[in-house]
Amino acid sequence: MIERAVVIGAGFGGLAAAIRLRAMGYQVTVVDAQDQPGGRARAFRKDGYVFDAGPTVITAPYLLDELFTLVGRDRQDAFELVPVDPFYRVRFPGGGHFDYVGEEERLLAQIERIDPRDVDGYRRFAAHAQKIFDVGYTQLASSPFDHLSEMLRVVPSMIQLESYRSVYGLAAKYFHSEELRQVFSFQPLLVGGNPFTTTSIYALIHWLERKWGVWFAKGGTTAIVAALVGLLDELGVPVRTRSKVTRVLTKDGRACGIELEDGSRLDAELVVSDGDPAMIHRLVDAPGREANKSARMSSSMSLFVSYFGTKRRYDDVKHHTIVLGPRYRGLLEDIFKNKVLAKDFSLYLHRPTATDPSLAPAGHDAWYVLSPVPNLQSQVDWAEQAGPYQEAIFQALEETMLPGLKGELTTRSSIDPRHFLADYHTKNGAAFGPEPVLTQSAWFRNHNRSSDVPGLFFVGAGAHPGAGVPGVLCSAKVMERVVPRPKQALPLPKPRAALPRAA
């Protein structure tokens, strides 16, 4: 009998898991509650603009290549990745900027202008980040952490690499300049972490970007989603949208399928969830101890994101810009610890039309601006605050980077923590799952295989190794290692001449 697997959630983690399960020989079905696949990587289309809803930075592109190679296809036939330079432009509150790039010579020249003492400090920081990468990513990101013994084996290396430090603490060890400490410590915010509390393991992001660069998909990140869904279609894997899961079915304590909101059910030998484990456990009749563990975990921050179009192009603005606010530590404490909505903010400004003008009408720009905010534990009344907060962000952008912005706006919309709760069913409306502190990483994070409910597996931001596109794609690799091989494999169809390239 051909064994069946059902995947809950069509985000990057779920789509990658479905491809890997199909390559193993399972008969696979993917279900998602939303009206389109992609999860956080879906797209909003409005007034002739295409807005990527969430992830816009692609690193470690080999992880996408692997998914196509696994089933005898070529990723380059499906969508195009183009390099982004600089990776990010970091703007300082006092004026000036730093172009965060991959070439060491360009980095060192900028560092020398800020503080010559930090040239050698950067070399030592980069060497340390590379060592962390060699262990934390190369050895551990695709390895399961089901058992405490697996964690204990890496503890000596983690201590030697100073994983007890925060990312900011590691940067402060090597840089005198406060501006450079911020430039080389903001990266945990890309995966939902506070640079002052996130373990310095996440300094590996710097070397990951140095190694493989930063990329953007022509047509937007949604082009990658379309290509993965197209690949699954060729493999005979349906991706069913508007299919909300209300129960994870069990028989004799083992996962045996799912029940949907319309009362129908899908029977399966395996259930793989790309959803927030804390929320998925609530759908299991007898979830066990893991449910309590997930419930106790502290949640990451959330996000306020405004999507907007302008009837003019701002050609001096780079593809990715990090706009640092007047407070760094204080603002992060307000977001993560005090859980209050501050009057100031740091922003990530995304201008995809800098790379791909087709995402907006001719002569226009498409944008999104993202502000880290506290999750729903803050009790912020977003129904009241969303409008004024958006206006404050637009005012700040108009006064600094986008002169005349308000007169150039053609369309606007926004999402806030309510969206992450309602659409993605995340605990506390968090944008990135559990906060990536040391005590919620590796073995301490949600495992990829349930120890309480056989046949239930987890991928995505909430599971090991964590959030971010490389993290969720690696979570599917870990799942592949812990899922049993089917006794009778369903053969793969022969490749077509070429997949239709995503628009």
Protein backbone atom coordinates (compact mmCIF):
# COMPACT_ATOMS: atom_id res chain seq x y z
CA MET A 1 0.00 0.00 0.00
CA ILE A 2 1.28 3.48 -0.89
CA GLU A 3 1.73 5.46 2.31
CA ARG A 4 0.14 8.89 2.57
CA ALA A 5 1.37 12.13 4.14
CA VAL A 6 -0.58 15.32 4.71
CA VAL A 7 1.19 18.66 5.20
CA ILE A 8 -0.55 21.43 7.16
CA GLY A 9 0.49 24.84 5.84
CA ALA A 10 1.83 25.93 2.45
CA GLY A 11 4.60 28.25 3.63
CA PHE A 12 8.19 27.65 2.57
CA GLY A 13 8.59 25.00 5.26
CA GLY A 14 5.46 23.12 4.24
CA LEU A 15 6.15 23.28 0.51
CA ALA A 16 9.74 22.12 1.03
CA ALA A 17 8.54 19.30 3.28
CA ALA A 18 6.00 18.21 0.67
CA ILE A 19 8.67 18.04 -2.05
CA ARG A 20 10.99 16.03 0.18
CA LEU A 21 8.21 13.65 1.22
CA ARG A 22 7.21 13.12 -2.40
CA ALA A 23 10.85 12.46 -3.31
CA MET A 24 10.91 9.81 -0.57
CA GLY A 25 7.95 8.09 -2.20
CA TYR A 26 4.98 9.27 -0.13
CA GLN A 27 1.65 10.25 -1.63
CA VAL A 28 1.33 13.83 -0.40
CA THR A 29 -1.43 16.42 0.03
CA VAL A 30 -0.85 19.99 1.23
CA VAL A 31 -3.62 22.02 2.87
CA ASP A 32 -3.62 25.70 3.82
CA ALA A 33 -6.28 27.89 5.43
CA GLN A 34 -5.54 30.95 3.28
CA ASP A 35 -6.80 31.74 -0.22
CA GLN A 36 -3.33 31.32 -1.74
CA PRO A 37 -0.20 29.31 -0.90
CA GLY A 38 2.96 30.85 0.54
CA GLY A 39 2.11 31.50 4.17
CA ARG A 40 4.14 34.51 5.26
CA ALA A 41 5.62 34.52 1.73
CA ARG A 42 2.31 35.05 -0.06
CA ALA A 43 1.67 38.19 -2.09
CA PHE A 44 -0.76 41.09 -1.99
CA ARG A 45 -1.76 42.50 -5.39
CA LYS A 46 -3.39 45.89 -5.43
CA ASP A 47 -3.82 48.74 -7.94
CA GLY A 48 -1.24 47.30 -10.31
CA TYR A 49 1.41 46.67 -7.62
CA VAL A 50 2.76 43.36 -6.35
CA PHE A 51 3.71 43.34 -2.67
CA ASP A 52 5.50 40.41 -1.08
CA ALA A 53 3.75 39.94 2.24
CA GLY A 54 6.76 38.82 4.24
CA PRO A 55 10.24 37.46 3.45
CA THR A 56 12.14 39.46 0.83
CA VAL A 57 15.74 38.40 1.50
CA ILE A 58 16.93 35.11 -0.01
CA THR A 59 20.16 33.69 1.36
CA ALA A 60 21.65 30.19 0.98
CA PRO A 61 19.92 29.73 -2.42
CA TYR A 62 21.38 26.22 -2.69
CA LEU A 63 18.55 25.12 -0.36
CA LEU A 64 16.05 25.99 -3.09
CA ASP A 65 18.22 24.35 -5.75
CA GLU A 66 18.23 21.14 -3.69
CA LEU A 67 14.45 20.84 -3.80
CA PHE A 68 14.43 20.76 -7.59
CA THR A 69 17.49 18.52 -7.87
CA LEU A 70 15.88 15.98 -5.51
CA VAL A 71 13.19 15.27 -8.10
CA GLY A 72 15.36 15.59 -11.21
CA ARG A 73 14.58 19.18 -12.09
CA ASP A 74 16.56 22.41 -12.43
CA ARG A 75 15.59 25.43 -10.33
CA GLN A 76 16.88 27.82 -12.97
CA ASP A 77 14.14 26.62 -15.32
CA ALA A 78 11.51 27.75 -12.79
CA PHE A 79 12.54 31.18 -11.52
CA GLU A 80 15.46 33.59 -11.62
CA LEU A 81 17.47 34.85 -8.66
CA VAL A 82 19.41 38.08 -9.01
CA PRO A 83 22.05 39.39 -6.57
CA VAL A 84 21.33 42.45 -4.46
CA ASP A 85 24.14 44.99 -3.85
CA PRO A 86 24.44 46.32 -1.26
CA PHE A 87 22.82 43.63 0.83
CA TYR A 88 21.45 46.43 3.00
CA ARG A 89 22.11 50.13 3.34
CA VAL A 90 22.12 50.95 7.06
CA ARG A 91 21.17 54.56 7.82
CA PHE A 92 22.29 56.08 11.10
CA PRO A 93 20.04 58.43 13.09
CA GLY A 94 22.71 61.14 13.20
CA GLY A 95 23.20 61.06 9.43
CA GLY A 96 25.38 58.97 7.18
CA HIS A 97 25.09 55.36 6.19
CA PHE A 98 26.94 52.05 5.91
CA ASP A 99 26.59 49.75 2.90
CA TYR A 100 26.51 46.19 4.20
CA VAL A 101 28.09 44.15 1.40
CA GLY A 102 29.82 40.82 0.85
CA GLU A 103 33.27 41.98 -0.22
CA GLU A 104 35.63 42.37 2.71
CA GLU A 105 37.62 45.17 1.06
CA ARG A 106 34.50 47.35 0.71
CA LEU A 107 33.50 46.61 4.28
CA LEU A 108 36.95 47.47 5.64
CA ALA A 109 37.11 50.76 3.74
CA GLN A 110 33.83 51.88 5.31
CA ILE A 111 34.83 50.65 8.76
CA GLU A 112 38.09 52.58 8.59
CA ARG A 113 36.19 55.81 7.87
CA ILE A 114 34.06 55.29 10.98
CA ASP A 115 36.77 54.07 13.37
CA PRO A 116 40.18 52.85 12.16
CA ARG A 117 40.59 50.79 15.35
CA ASP A 118 37.72 48.58 14.23
CA VAL A 119 39.36 47.36 11.01
CA ASP A 120 41.22 44.66 12.89
CA GLY A 121 38.17 44.18 15.10
CA TYR A 122 36.07 43.33 12.05
CA ARG A 123 38.61 40.79 10.83
CA ARG A 124 38.47 39.04 14.21
CA PHE A 125 34.67 39.30 14.35
CA ALA A 126 34.35 37.78 10.85
CA ALA A 127 36.73 34.94 11.76
CA HIS A 128 34.64 34.24 14.88
CA ALA A 129 31.40 34.34 12.84
CA GLN A 130 32.90 31.87 10.38
CA LYS A 131 33.76 29.45 13.19
CA ILE A 132 30.21 29.74 14.53
CA PHE A 133 28.89 29.12 11.02
CA ASP A 134 31.05 26.01 10.62
CA VAL A 135 29.47 24.50 13.74
CA GLY A 136 26.10 26.18 14.18
CA TYR A 137 25.04 26.00 10.55
CA THR A 138 27.14 23.46 8.67
CA GLN A 139 26.99 20.80 11.40
CA LEU A 140 23.77 21.54 13.28
CA ALA A 141 21.16 23.35 11.14
CA SER A 142 20.14 20.16 9.32
CA SER A 143 20.67 17.79 12.25
CA PRO A 144 17.81 16.59 14.46
CA PHE A 145 17.83 17.35 18.18
CA ASP A 146 15.37 14.75 19.42
CA HIS A 147 17.46 13.68 22.38
CA LEU A 148 19.29 15.61 25.09
CA SER A 149 22.44 13.60 24.35
CA GLU A 150 22.56 15.21 20.91
CA MET A 151 22.60 18.61 22.59
CA LEU A 152 25.20 17.64 25.17
CA ARG A 153 27.61 16.59 22.42
CA VAL A 154 27.76 20.14 21.07
CA VAL A 155 27.87 21.98 24.40
CA PRO A 156 31.71 22.13 24.53
CA SER A 157 31.82 23.67 21.06
CA MET A 158 29.09 26.15 21.98
CA ILE A 159 30.97 27.22 25.09
CA GLN A 160 34.21 27.57 23.14
CA LEU A 161 32.40 29.73 20.57
CA GLU A 162 30.97 31.91 23.38
CA SER A 163 27.34 31.08 22.63
CA TYR A 164 26.51 32.35 26.12
CA ARG A 165 27.09 35.87 24.78
CA SER A 166 24.38 37.76 22.95
CA VAL A 167 24.89 38.83 19.34
CA TYR A 168 25.30 42.42 20.51
CA GLY A 169 27.70 41.25 23.22
CA LEU A 170 29.84 39.52 20.63
CA ALA A 171 29.86 42.61 18.40
CA ALA A 172 30.76 44.79 21.39
CA LYS A 173 33.74 42.54 22.07
CA TYR A 174 35.23 43.39 18.66
CA PHE A 175 34.01 46.91 17.79
CA HIS A 176 34.64 50.22 19.57
CA SER A 177 32.15 52.17 17.47
CA GLU A 178 28.55 52.02 18.66
CA GLU A 179 27.41 52.50 15.07
CA LEU A 180 29.38 49.43 13.96
CA ARG A 181 28.13 47.44 16.94
CA GLN A 182 24.62 48.08 15.65
CA VAL A 183 25.51 47.33 12.01
CA PHE A 184 26.89 43.93 12.96
CA SER A 185 24.23 42.98 15.51
CA PHE A 186 20.84 43.86 13.96
CA GLN A 187 20.62 40.52 12.08
CA PRO A 188 18.66 38.62 14.80
CA LEU A 189 15.77 41.00 14.16
CA LEU A 190 15.42 39.27 10.76
CA VAL A 191 14.44 36.07 12.62
CA GLY A 192 12.50 37.64 15.49
CA GLY A 193 15.24 38.00 18.08
CA ASN A 194 16.51 40.79 20.30
CA PRO A 195 20.23 41.36 19.56
CA PHE A 196 20.79 41.91 23.30
CA THR A 197 19.35 38.51 24.32
CA THR A 198 19.63 36.32 21.21
CA THR A 199 22.48 33.84 21.50
CA SER A 200 25.57 34.74 19.50
CA ILE A 201 25.05 31.52 17.52
CA TYR A 202 23.03 33.81 15.26
CA ALA A 203 26.17 35.75 14.36
CA LEU A 204 26.50 32.98 11.80
CA ILE A 205 24.03 34.98 9.68
CA HIS A 206 26.87 37.37 8.87
CA TRP A 207 29.05 34.62 7.47
CA LEU A 208 26.13 32.95 5.72
CA GLU A 209 25.51 36.20 3.84
CA ARG A 210 29.22 36.63 3.15
CA LYS A 211 29.40 33.07 1.79
CA TRP A 212 26.32 32.96 -0.44
CA GLY A 213 25.24 36.57 -0.84
CA VAL A 214 21.78 38.14 -0.72
CA TRP A 215 19.39 37.48 -3.58
CA PHE A 216 15.98 38.52 -4.86
CA ALA A 217 13.64 36.54 -7.08
CA LYS A 218 12.50 38.24 -10.27
CA GLY A 219 8.76 38.67 -9.90
CA GLY A 220 9.13 38.87 -6.12
CA THR A 221 9.39 36.18 -3.47
CA THR A 222 5.94 35.01 -4.56
CA ALA A 223 7.62 33.78 -7.78
CA ILE A 224 9.45 31.20 -5.66
CA VAL A 225 6.16 30.11 -4.10
CA ALA A 226 4.59 29.77 -7.56
CA ALA A 227 7.56 27.70 -8.76
CA LEU A 228 7.39 25.33 -5.76
CA VAL A 229 3.63 24.90 -6.18
CA GLY A 230 4.17 24.29 -9.90
CA LEU A 231 6.78 21.67 -9.09
CA LEU A 232 4.40 19.94 -6.68
CA ASP A 233 1.68 19.98 -9.34
CA GLU A 234 4.03 18.24 -11.75
CA LEU A 235 4.77 15.67 -9.03
CA GLY A 236 1.07 15.02 -8.54
CA VAL A 237 0.85 16.77 -5.16
CA PRO A 238 -2.32 18.88 -4.70
CA VAL A 239 -2.04 22.13 -2.74
CA ARG A 240 -5.50 22.81 -1.34
CA THR A 241 -6.18 26.38 -0.20
CA ARG A 242 -9.14 27.60 1.89
CA SER A 243 -8.78 24.35 3.85
CA LYS A 244 -8.56 25.15 7.56
CA VAL A 245 -7.56 22.27 9.84
CA THR A 246 -9.68 21.89 12.96
CA ARG A 247 -8.32 18.59 14.32
CA VAL A 248 -5.27 16.39 14.05
CA LEU A 249 -6.78 12.92 14.12
CA THR A 250 -5.23 10.15 16.16
CA LYS A 251 -5.79 6.41 16.48
CA ASP A 252 -4.29 4.53 19.41
CA GLY A 253 -2.31 7.69 20.18
CA ARG A 254 -0.81 7.92 16.69
CA ALA A 255 -1.50 10.68 14.15
CA CYS A 256 -3.66 9.28 11.37
CA GLY A 257 -4.88 12.33 9.45
CA ILE A 258 -6.65 15.66 9.78
CA GLU A 259 -10.17 17.02 9.92
CA LEU A 260 -11.07 20.19 8.05
CA GLU A 261 -13.46 22.97 8.93
CA ASP A 262 -16.07 21.65 6.49
CA GLY A 263 -16.11 18.34 8.37
CA SER A 264 -14.19 16.34 5.76
CA ARG A 265 -11.11 14.38 6.72
CA LEU A 266 -7.88 13.33 5.09
CA ASP A 267 -6.45 10.04 6.31
CA ALA A 268 -2.68 9.66 6.32
CA GLU A 269 0.14 7.68 7.86
CA LEU A 270 2.07 10.90 8.54
CA VAL A 271 1.02 14.43 9.47
CA VAL A 272 3.57 17.21 8.99
CA SER A 273 2.76 20.65 10.38
CA ASP A 274 4.19 23.92 9.10
CA GLY A 275 2.11 25.77 11.69
CA ASP A 276 3.02 27.16 15.09
CA PRO A 277 3.54 24.05 17.26
CA ALA A 278 1.94 25.78 20.26
CA MET A 279 -1.27 26.17 18.26
CA ILE A 280 -1.16 22.81 16.46
CA HIS A 281 -0.88 20.94 19.76
CA ARG A 282 -4.29 22.36 20.65
CA LEU A 283 -5.78 20.45 17.71
CA VAL A 284 -4.57 17.07 18.98
CA ASP A 285 -6.94 15.12 21.23
CA ALA A 286 -4.18 14.09 23.67
CA PRO A 287 -1.18 16.33 22.90
CA GLY A 288 1.04 15.32 25.87
CA ARG A 289 3.99 17.06 27.50
CA GLU A 290 5.17 18.81 24.34
CA ALA A 291 2.06 20.96 24.36
CA ASN A 292 3.00 22.28 27.80
CA LYS A 293 6.55 22.95 26.63
CA SER A 294 5.32 24.94 23.62
CA ALA A 295 2.85 26.86 25.74
CA ARG A 296 5.62 27.95 28.14
CA MET A 297 7.96 29.25 25.45
CA SER A 298 8.37 33.00 25.16
CA SER A 299 7.20 34.37 21.84
CA SER A 300 9.19 36.45 19.39
CA MET A 301 8.28 40.02 18.58
CA SER A 302 5.61 40.86 16.06
CA LEU A 303 5.58 43.29 13.15
CA PHE A 304 3.75 46.29 11.78
CA VAL A 305 4.09 46.38 8.00
CA SER A 306 2.83 49.05 5.60
CA TYR A 307 2.57 48.28 1.89
CA PHE A 308 2.42 51.31 -0.38
CA GLY A 309 2.94 52.53 -3.91
CA THR A 310 4.29 55.85 -5.18
CA LYS A 311 3.67 57.48 -8.54
CA ARG A 312 7.30 58.46 -8.77
CA ARG A 313 10.51 56.50 -8.45
CA TYR A 314 13.03 57.24 -5.69
CA ASP A 315 16.09 55.98 -7.53
CA ASP A 316 18.55 56.98 -4.80
CA VAL A 317 16.97 54.48 -2.39
CA LYS A 318 18.50 50.99 -2.39
CA HIS A 319 16.59 47.71 -2.52
CA HIS A 320 17.01 47.04 1.23
CA THR A 321 17.46 49.83 3.79
CA ILE A 322 17.76 49.48 7.56
CA VAL A 323 16.76 52.77 9.20
CA LEU A 324 18.17 52.81 12.73
CA GLY A 325 16.24 54.91 15.22
CA PRO A 326 17.60 57.24 17.92
CA ARG A 327 17.47 54.46 20.52
CA TYR A 328 18.82 50.95 20.01
CA ARG A 329 18.87 49.12 23.33
CA GLY A 330 15.99 51.18 24.77
CA LEU A 331 13.69 50.54 21.80
CA LEU A 332 14.43 46.82 21.87
CA GLU A 333 13.67 46.70 25.59
CA ASP A 334 10.33 48.37 24.90
CA ILE A 335 9.53 45.78 22.24
CA PHE A 336 10.73 42.60 23.92
CA LYS A 337 10.71 43.30 27.67
CA ASN A 338 8.38 46.19 28.48
CA LYS A 339 6.00 45.26 25.63
CA VAL A 340 4.91 48.81 24.95
CA LEU A 341 4.46 50.58 21.62
CA ALA A 342 7.20 53.21 21.57
CA LYS A 343 6.85 56.57 19.85
CA ASP A 344 10.16 56.03 18.03
CA PHE A 345 11.06 53.11 15.78
CA SER A 346 13.71 51.43 13.68
CA LEU A 347 12.55 50.42 10.21
CA TYR A 348 13.29 48.04 7.37
CA LEU A 349 12.39 49.66 4.05
CA HIS A 350 11.97 47.37 1.05
CA ARG A 351 12.02 48.80 -2.48
CA PRO A 352 11.82 45.75 -4.79
CA THR A 353 11.36 47.93 -7.87
CA ALA A 354 15.01 48.93 -7.46
CA THR A 355 15.74 45.43 -8.82
CA ASP A 356 12.52 44.52 -10.66
CA PRO A 357 10.49 47.47 -12.00
CA SER A 358 7.77 45.08 -13.24
CA LEU A 359 6.33 44.92 -9.71
CA ALA A 360 4.77 48.39 -10.12
CA PRO A 361 3.16 50.40 -12.94
CA ALA A 362 5.65 52.11 -15.25
CA GLY A 363 7.42 54.99 -13.52
CA HIS A 364 6.15 53.96 -10.08
CA ASP A 365 7.76 52.28 -7.06
CA ALA A 366 6.39 49.47 -4.88
CA TRP A 367 7.38 49.48 -1.21
CA TYR A 368 6.92 47.98 2.15
CA VAL A 369 8.15 49.37 5.42
CA LEU A 370 8.42 47.10 8.44
CA SER A 371 8.61 48.11 12.08
CA PRO A 372 9.31 45.58 14.87
CA VAL A 373 6.61 45.88 17.53
CA PRO A 374 5.64 43.92 20.65
CA ASN A 375 3.45 40.86 20.23
CA LEU A 376 -0.13 40.73 21.48
CA GLN A 377 0.95 40.24 25.08
CA SER A 378 1.40 44.03 25.01
CA GLN A 379 -2.37 44.67 25.01
CA VAL A 380 -1.88 47.44 22.41
CA ASP A 381 -5.23 48.38 20.90
CA TRP A 382 -4.25 48.05 17.26
CA ALA A 383 -7.74 49.00 16.06
CA GLU A 384 -6.99 52.42 17.53
CA GLN A 385 -3.23 52.62 17.04
CA ALA A 386 -2.67 51.21 13.52
CA GLY A 387 -3.70 54.37 11.67
CA PRO A 388 -1.67 56.87 13.72
CA TYR A 389 1.33 54.53 13.79
CA GLN A 390 1.30 54.24 10.01
CA GLU A 391 1.07 58.01 9.66
CA ALA A 392 4.02 58.49 12.03
CA ILE A 393 6.14 56.13 9.93
CA PHE A 394 5.20 57.89 6.70
CA GLN A 395 6.03 61.25 8.29
CA ALA A 396 9.46 59.96 9.37
CA LEU A 397 10.18 58.60 5.88
CA GLU A 398 9.09 61.86 4.26
CA GLU A 399 11.40 63.87 6.51
CA THR A 400 14.41 61.66 5.83
CA MET A 401 14.47 59.39 2.75
CA LEU A 402 11.33 59.97 0.69
CA PRO A 403 10.72 63.71 0.22
CA GLY A 404 7.15 64.55 -0.73
CA LEU A 405 6.02 61.00 0.06
CA LYS A 406 2.48 61.81 1.14
CA GLY A 407 1.78 63.59 -2.11
CA GLU A 408 3.15 60.67 -4.14
CA LEU A 409 1.16 57.86 -2.49
CA THR A 410 -1.15 55.93 -4.80
CA THR A 411 -2.14 53.03 -2.56
CA ARG A 412 -1.52 51.89 1.00
CA SER A 413 -2.45 49.11 3.39
CA SER A 414 -0.99 47.60 6.55
CA ILE A 415 -0.88 44.54 8.76
CA ASP A 416 -0.14 44.30 12.50
CA PRO A 417 0.04 41.60 15.20
CA ARG A 418 -3.68 40.86 14.81
CA HIS A 419 -2.92 39.62 11.30
CA PHE A 420 -0.36 37.07 12.52
CA LEU A 421 -2.86 35.67 14.99
CA ALA A 422 -5.83 35.61 12.62
CA ASP A 423 -4.14 34.53 9.37
CA TYR A 424 -1.16 32.48 10.54
CA HIS A 425 -2.55 31.29 13.90
CA THR A 426 0.64 32.11 15.78
CA LYS A 427 0.79 32.21 19.56
CA ASN A 428 0.48 35.83 20.80
CA GLY A 429 0.46 37.06 17.21
CA ALA A 430 4.24 36.56 17.08
CA ALA A 431 5.80 36.93 13.65
CA PHE A 432 8.60 34.38 14.04
CA GLY A 433 7.47 31.69 16.51
CA PRO A 434 9.39 31.21 19.78
CA GLU A 435 11.99 33.85 20.60
CA PRO A 436 15.47 32.60 19.52
CA VAL A 437 17.18 32.77 22.90
CA LEU A 438 19.69 30.07 23.87
CA THR A 439 17.17 28.22 26.06
CA GLN A 440 14.79 27.97 23.09
CA SER A 441 17.31 26.84 20.48
CA ALA A 442 18.43 23.40 19.26
CA TRP A 443 17.20 20.69 21.68
CA PHE A 444 15.29 23.31 23.70
CA ARG A 445 13.23 24.34 20.67
CA ASN A 446 10.23 22.39 19.39
CA HIS A 447 11.51 19.13 17.95
CA ASN A 448 10.85 18.13 14.36
CA ARG A 449 9.42 14.79 15.45
CA SER A 450 6.80 14.60 18.18
CA SER A 451 7.80 12.38 21.07
CA ASP A 452 4.21 12.31 22.36
CA VAL A 453 2.25 11.68 19.16
CA PRO A 454 3.93 9.21 16.79
CA GLY A 455 3.42 10.13 13.16
CA LEU A 456 3.31 13.90 13.87
CA PHE A 457 6.19 16.04 12.60
CA PHE A 458 6.99 19.76 12.60
CA VAL A 459 8.70 22.11 10.16
CA GLY A 460 8.75 25.90 9.87
CA ALA A 461 9.71 28.82 12.07
CA GLY A 462 8.48 27.26 15.31
CA ALA A 463 10.57 24.09 14.98
CA HIS A 464 14.33 23.48 14.96
CA PRO A 465 16.42 25.21 13.64
CA GLY A 466 14.13 28.27 13.60
CA ALA A 467 12.85 31.22 11.60
CA GLY A 468 14.13 32.83 8.42
CA VAL A 469 14.05 31.31 4.94
CA PRO A 470 17.22 29.20 5.44
CA GLY A 471 15.89 28.05 8.83
CA VAL A 472 12.51 26.85 7.60
CA LEU A 473 14.04 25.19 4.52
CA CYS A 474 16.54 23.42 6.79
CA SER A 475 13.67 22.30 9.05
CA ALA A 476 12.34 20.29 6.10
CA LYS A 477 15.76 18.66 5.71
CA VAL A 478 15.70 17.69 9.39
CA MET A 479 12.18 16.29 8.98
CA GLU A 480 13.39 14.17 6.07
CA ARG A 481 16.00 12.60 8.37
CA VAL A 482 13.50 11.63 11.09
CA VAL A 483 10.54 10.51 8.93
CA PRO A 484 10.53 6.75 8.26
CA ARG A 485 11.00 5.63 4.67
CA PRO A 486 7.79 4.31 3.10
CA LYS A 487 7.66 0.55 2.70
CA GLN A 488 6.37 0.97 -0.84
CA ALA A 489 7.47 4.14 -2.62
CA LEU A 490 5.31 5.97 -5.14
CA PRO A 491 7.48 6.49 -8.24
CA LEU A 492 8.22 10.02 -9.41
CA PRO A 493 6.81 11.10 -12.77
CA LYS A 494 9.27 11.76 -15.57
CA PRO A 495 10.34 15.39 -15.84
CA ARG A 496 8.67 17.61 -18.37
CA ALA A 497 10.92 19.34 -20.87
CA ALA A 498 11.06 22.34 -18.53
CA LEU A 499 8.90 23.83 -15.84
CA PRO A 500 7.13 27.02 -16.88
CA ARG A 501 9.12 29.89 -15.35
CA ALA A 502 7.23 31.77 -12.67
CA ALA A 503 6.18 35.26 -13.71
